Structures are given as structure tokens and as C-alpha cells.
C-alpha atoms as a PDB file:
ATOM      1  CA  UNK A   1       0.000   0.000   0.000  1.00  0.00           C
ATOM      2  CA  UNK A   2       1.334   3.448  -0.927  1.00  0.00           C
ATOM      3  CA  UNK A   3       1.484   5.954   1.900  1.00  0.00           C
ATOM      4  CA  UNK A   4       2.017   9.630   1.102  1.00  0.00           C
ATOM      5  CA  UNK A   5       4.110  11.904   3.325  1.00  0.00           C
ATOM      6  CA  UNK A   6       1.126  13.292   5.240  1.00  0.00           C
ATOM      7  CA  UNK A   7      -0.256   9.833   6.061  1.00  0.00           C
ATOM      8  CA  UNK A   8       3.211   8.578   7.002  1.00  0.00           C
ATOM      9  CA  UNK A   9       3.749  11.479   9.419  1.00  0.00           C
ATOM     10  CA  UNK A  10       0.293  10.970  10.926  1.00  0.00           C
ATOM     11  CA  UNK A  11       1.017   7.231  11.287  1.00  0.00           C
ATOM     12  CA  UNK A  12       4.431   7.914  12.806  1.00  0.00           C
ATOM     13  CA  UNK A  13       3.108  10.552  15.228  1.00  0.00           C
ATOM     14  CA  UNK A  14       0.214   8.357  16.316  1.00  0.00           C
ATOM     15  CA  UNK A  15       2.448   5.283  16.685  1.00  0.00           C
ATOM     16  CA  UNK A  16       5.005   7.113  18.791  1.00  0.00           C
ATOM     17  CA  UNK A  17       2.299   8.749  20.906  1.00  0.00           C
ATOM     18  CA  UNK A  18       0.474   5.458  21.337  1.00  0.00           C
ATOM     19  CA  UNK A  19       3.511   3.714  22.749  1.00  0.00           C
ATOM     20  CA  UNK A  20       2.680   5.090  26.195  1.00  0.00           C
ATOM     21  CA  UNK A  21       0.304   2.829  28.122  1.00  0.00           C
ATOM     22  CA  UNK A  22      -2.274   0.229  27.221  1.00  0.00           C
ATOM     23  CA  UNK A  23      -5.772  -0.517  28.393  1.00  0.00           C
ATOM     24  CA  UNK A  24      -7.123  -4.024  28.186  1.00  0.00           C
ATOM     25  CA  UNK A  25     -10.829  -4.669  28.553  1.00  0.00           C
ATOM     26  CA  UNK A  26     -12.947  -7.434  27.147  1.00  0.00           C
ATOM     27  CA  UNK A  27      -9.985  -8.933  25.309  1.00  0.00           C
ATOM     28  CA  UNK A  28      -9.413  -5.804  23.217  1.00  0.00           C
ATOM     29  CA  UNK A  29      -6.245  -3.752  23.619  1.00  0.00           C
ATOM     30  CA  UNK A  30      -6.366  -0.012  23.027  1.00  0.00           C
ATOM     31  CA  UNK A  31      -3.068   1.865  23.189  1.00  0.00           C
ATOM     32  CA  UNK A  32      -3.297   5.311  24.741  1.00  0.00           C
ATOM     33  CA  UNK A  33      -0.540   7.875  25.072  1.00  0.00           C
ATOM     34  CA  UNK A  34       0.056   9.349  28.526  1.00  0.00           C
ATOM     35  CA  UNK A  35       0.002  12.994  27.428  1.00  0.00           C
ATOM     36  CA  UNK A  36      -0.856  14.673  24.145  1.00  0.00           C
ATOM     37  CA  UNK A  37      -0.096  18.274  23.201  1.00  0.00           C
ATOM     38  CA  UNK A  38      -3.151  19.675  21.441  1.00  0.00           C
ATOM     39  CA  UNK A  39      -1.960  23.165  20.532  1.00  0.00           C
ATOM     40  CA  UNK A  40      -2.966  26.689  21.384  1.00  0.00           C
ATOM     41  CA  UNK A  41      -6.106  27.550  23.359  1.00  0.00           C
ATOM     42  CA  UNK A  42      -7.342  29.599  20.394  1.00  0.00           C
ATOM     43  CA  UNK A  43      -7.765  26.392  18.393  1.00  0.00           C
ATOM     44  CA  UNK A  44     -10.707  25.532  20.669  1.00  0.00           C
ATOM     45  CA  UNK A  45     -12.337  28.941  21.158  1.00  0.00           C
ATOM     46  CA  UNK A  46     -15.806  28.034  19.830  1.00  0.00           C
ATOM     47  CA  UNK A  47     -18.227  25.756  21.667  1.00  0.00           C
ATOM     48  CA  UNK A  48     -18.364  22.280  20.183  1.00  0.00           C
ATOM     49  CA  UNK A  49     -16.775  18.867  19.879  1.00  0.00           C
ATOM     50  CA  UNK A  50     -13.401  18.677  18.128  1.00  0.00           C
ATOM     51  CA  UNK A  51     -12.630  15.300  16.580  1.00  0.00           C
ATOM     52  CA  UNK A  52      -9.013  15.815  15.498  1.00  0.00           C
ATOM     53  CA  UNK A  53      -7.736  13.384  18.158  1.00  0.00           C
ATOM     54  CA  UNK A  54     -10.496  10.773  17.807  1.00  0.00           C
ATOM     55  CA  UNK A  55      -8.069   8.146  16.515  1.00  0.00           C
ATOM     56  CA  UNK A  56      -5.644   8.883  19.355  1.00  0.00           C
ATOM     57  CA  UNK A  57      -8.382   8.191  21.902  1.00  0.00           C
ATOM     58  CA  UNK A  58     -10.309  11.353  22.740  1.00  0.00           C
ATOM     59  CA  UNK A  59     -12.457  14.260  21.604  1.00  0.00           C
ATOM     60  CA  UNK A  60     -11.864  17.825  22.803  1.00  0.00           C
ATOM     61  CA  UNK A  61     -15.038  19.480  24.095  1.00  0.00           C
ATOM     62  CA  UNK A  62     -15.551  23.221  24.595  1.00  0.00           C
ATOM     63  CA  UNK A  63     -18.660  24.238  26.511  1.00  0.00           C
ATOM     64  CA  UNK A  64     -18.628  27.856  27.628  1.00  0.00           C
ATOM     65  CA  UNK A  65     -15.505  28.429  29.708  1.00  0.00           C
ATOM     66  CA  UNK A  66     -15.044  24.673  30.253  1.00  0.00           C
ATOM     67  CA  UNK A  67     -12.555  22.734  28.091  1.00  0.00           C
ATOM     68  CA  UNK A  68     -12.033  19.009  28.600  1.00  0.00           C
ATOM     69  CA  UNK A  69     -11.252  15.790  26.755  1.00  0.00           C
ATOM     70  CA  UNK A  70     -13.576  12.798  26.636  1.00  0.00           C
ATOM     71  CA  UNK A  71     -12.765   9.277  25.504  1.00  0.00           C
ATOM     72  CA  UNK A  72     -13.514   8.465  21.868  1.00  0.00           C
ATOM     73  CA  UNK A  73     -13.729   4.729  22.620  1.00  0.00           C
ATOM     74  CA  UNK A  74     -16.983   3.080  23.686  1.00  0.00           C
ATOM     75  CA  UNK A  75     -16.817   1.536  27.138  1.00  0.00           C
ATOM     76  CA  UNK A  76     -18.610  -1.577  25.884  1.00  0.00           C
ATOM     77  CA  UNK A  77     -16.124  -3.008  23.346  1.00  0.00           C
ATOM     78  CA  UNK A  78     -13.741  -0.094  22.670  1.00  0.00           C
ATOM     79  CA  UNK A  79     -15.153   0.771  19.236  1.00  0.00           C
ATOM     80  CA  UNK A  80     -14.477   4.301  17.999  1.00  0.00           C
ATOM     81  CA  UNK A  81     -17.346   6.651  18.729  1.00  0.00           C
ATOM     82  CA  UNK A  82     -18.858   9.179  16.368  1.00  0.00           C
ATOM     83  CA  UNK A  83     -19.611  12.695  17.602  1.00  0.00           C
ATOM     84  CA  UNK A  84     -23.129  13.761  16.634  1.00  0.00           C
ATOM     85  CA  UNK A  85     -24.337  17.251  15.686  1.00  0.00           C
ATOM     86  CA  UNK A  86     -26.189  17.553  19.008  1.00  0.00           C
ATOM     87  CA  UNK A  87     -22.834  16.894  20.777  1.00  0.00           C
ATOM     88  CA  UNK A  88     -23.776  13.395  21.887  1.00  0.00           C
ATOM     89  CA  UNK A  89     -21.703  10.321  21.044  1.00  0.00           C
ATOM     90  CA  UNK A  90     -22.764   7.206  19.145  1.00  0.00           C
ATOM     91  CA  UNK A  91     -21.110   3.787  18.884  1.00  0.00           C
ATOM     92  CA  UNK A  92     -21.631   2.356  15.396  1.00  0.00           C
ATOM     93  CA  UNK A  93     -20.635  -1.164  16.500  1.00  0.00           C
ATOM     94  CA  UNK A  94     -23.444  -1.989  18.922  1.00  0.00           C
ATOM     95  CA  UNK A  95     -25.573   1.167  19.168  1.00  0.00           C
ATOM     96  CA  UNK A  96     -24.586   2.569  22.560  1.00  0.00           C
ATOM     97  CA  UNK A  97     -25.175   6.291  22.995  1.00  0.00           C
ATOM     98  CA  UNK A  98     -23.734   8.829  25.432  1.00  0.00           C
ATOM     99  CA  UNK A  99     -24.874  12.335  26.363  1.00  0.00           C
ATOM    100  CA  UNK A 100     -22.582  15.397  25.937  1.00  0.00           C
ATOM    101  CA  UNK A 101     -21.038  14.691  29.368  1.00  0.00           C
ATOM    102  CA  UNK A 102     -20.289  11.059  28.472  1.00  0.00           C
ATOM    103  CA  UNK A 103     -23.069   9.452  30.500  1.00  0.00           C
ATOM    104  CA  UNK A 104     -24.611   6.307  28.987  1.00  0.00           C
ATOM    105  CA  UNK A 105     -28.077   6.999  27.564  1.00  0.00           C
ATOM    106  CA  UNK A 106     -28.517   3.664  25.745  1.00  0.00           C
ATOM    107  CA  UNK A 107     -26.667   0.363  26.112  1.00  0.00           C
ATOM    108  CA  UNK A 108     -25.214  -2.151  25.783  1.00  0.00           C
ATOM    109  CA  UNK A 109     -22.501   0.070  27.323  1.00  0.00           C
ATOM    110  CA  UNK A 110     -22.907   0.353  31.091  1.00  0.00           C
ATOM    111  CA  UNK A 111     -19.982   2.593  32.021  1.00  0.00           C
ATOM    112  CA  UNK A 112     -19.798   6.319  31.313  1.00  0.00           C
ATOM    113  CA  UNK A 113     -17.014   7.656  29.109  1.00  0.00           C
ATOM    114  CA  UNK A 114     -13.852   8.694  30.951  1.00  0.00           C
ATOM    115  CA  UNK A 115     -13.012  12.385  30.852  1.00  0.00           C
ATOM    116  CA  UNK A 116      -9.524  13.860  30.992  1.00  0.00           C
ATOM    117  CA  UNK A 117      -8.189  17.218  32.102  1.00  0.00           C
ATOM    118  CA  UNK A 118      -6.777  19.773  29.707  1.00  0.00           C
ATOM    119  CA  UNK A 119      -3.989  21.918  31.168  1.00  0.00           C
ATOM    120  CA  UNK A 120      -1.490  24.428  29.829  1.00  0.00           C
ATOM    121  CA  UNK A 121       2.209  23.528  29.859  1.00  0.00           C
ATOM    122  CA  UNK A 122       5.054  25.975  30.531  1.00  0.00           C
ATOM    123  CA  UNK A 123       4.999  27.099  26.865  1.00  0.00           C
ATOM    124  CA  UNK A 124       1.292  27.903  26.897  1.00  0.00           C
ATOM    125  CA  UNK A 125       0.313  24.850  24.841  1.00  0.00           C
ATOM    126  CA  UNK A 126      -2.650  22.802  25.917  1.00  0.00           C
ATOM    127  CA  UNK A 127      -1.933  19.252  27.065  1.00  0.00           C
ATOM    128  CA  UNK A 128      -4.376  16.402  27.642  1.00  0.00           C
ATOM    129  CA  UNK A 129      -3.290  14.066  30.427  1.00  0.00           C
ATOM    130  CA  UNK A 130      -4.744  10.645  29.769  1.00  0.00           C
ATOM    131  CA  UNK A 131      -5.011   8.409  32.791  1.00  0.00           C
ATOM    132  CA  UNK A 132      -6.505   4.981  32.896  1.00  0.00           C
ATOM    133  CA  UNK A 133      -9.820   4.903  34.758  1.00  0.00           C
ATOM    134  CA  UNK A 134      -9.617   3.183  38.141  1.00  0.00           C
END
């Protein structure tokens, strides 16, 4: 398969970032980085769900003055979620749905989506700190 420069860099960046820690649930392994730099605060100035990091493992959510990250993997079988226009999340694998805060609204998922803090580093860049749920 041919991979252009852009796809190679995205693959390389994601692979290096994903070499952090792993989560194992239900026999599926999902690699998650420990921290991810997501850029300047101005990149997330408007309210909404930002899906740029969906494949890395999270969405960025801006709601008023609150900015946080929420898992992009369903808690049922770790399928990638889709963000909906109404800011809810849908799992195309088995039909689970989650409200804008990540709470289960329809199963088979039983656990809410983990959320992660977004902080600024010493250079003013935003950083998501991914921690495995207890």
C-alpha cells in the first residue's frame, strides 16, 4: 500500500504517541498515550466537539468556559465513537449512545465515558493528560 508523506507522518506521530500505556478490557487492547499536546487555546475557542484526536483516543469538548477531553472509545467493546451534531456520542458497532457529558443513555454500554483534564504547559500549549480509569 502506498502511503504519502502526510499519512506517514500521521502514522508515525500516532504510533510514537500510542507507545505510552495500554488498556485491556474485554480482550481488546487499546493503546493510549500518557500525554498529548493539542496546541494553542485559540484552536478551541468556539463551543463544540473537536474530533481531530479521535483516533488517538479522545475528543476535545468546549462548553462555555469549560474545556475538557472525553474518551472516543466506547466503554462496551472499545469501538471508535462518532460525535453527533447535538454533541452526543454514538457507537456504530453496537448502538450505545452517550450524552454530551459522556453518561450512557442507551446500552449495551454500562460505564460512562472517561473524561480527561486539559492543562497548559510551561509554553502555553494545551496538554491532555490521559489516565486509565480506576
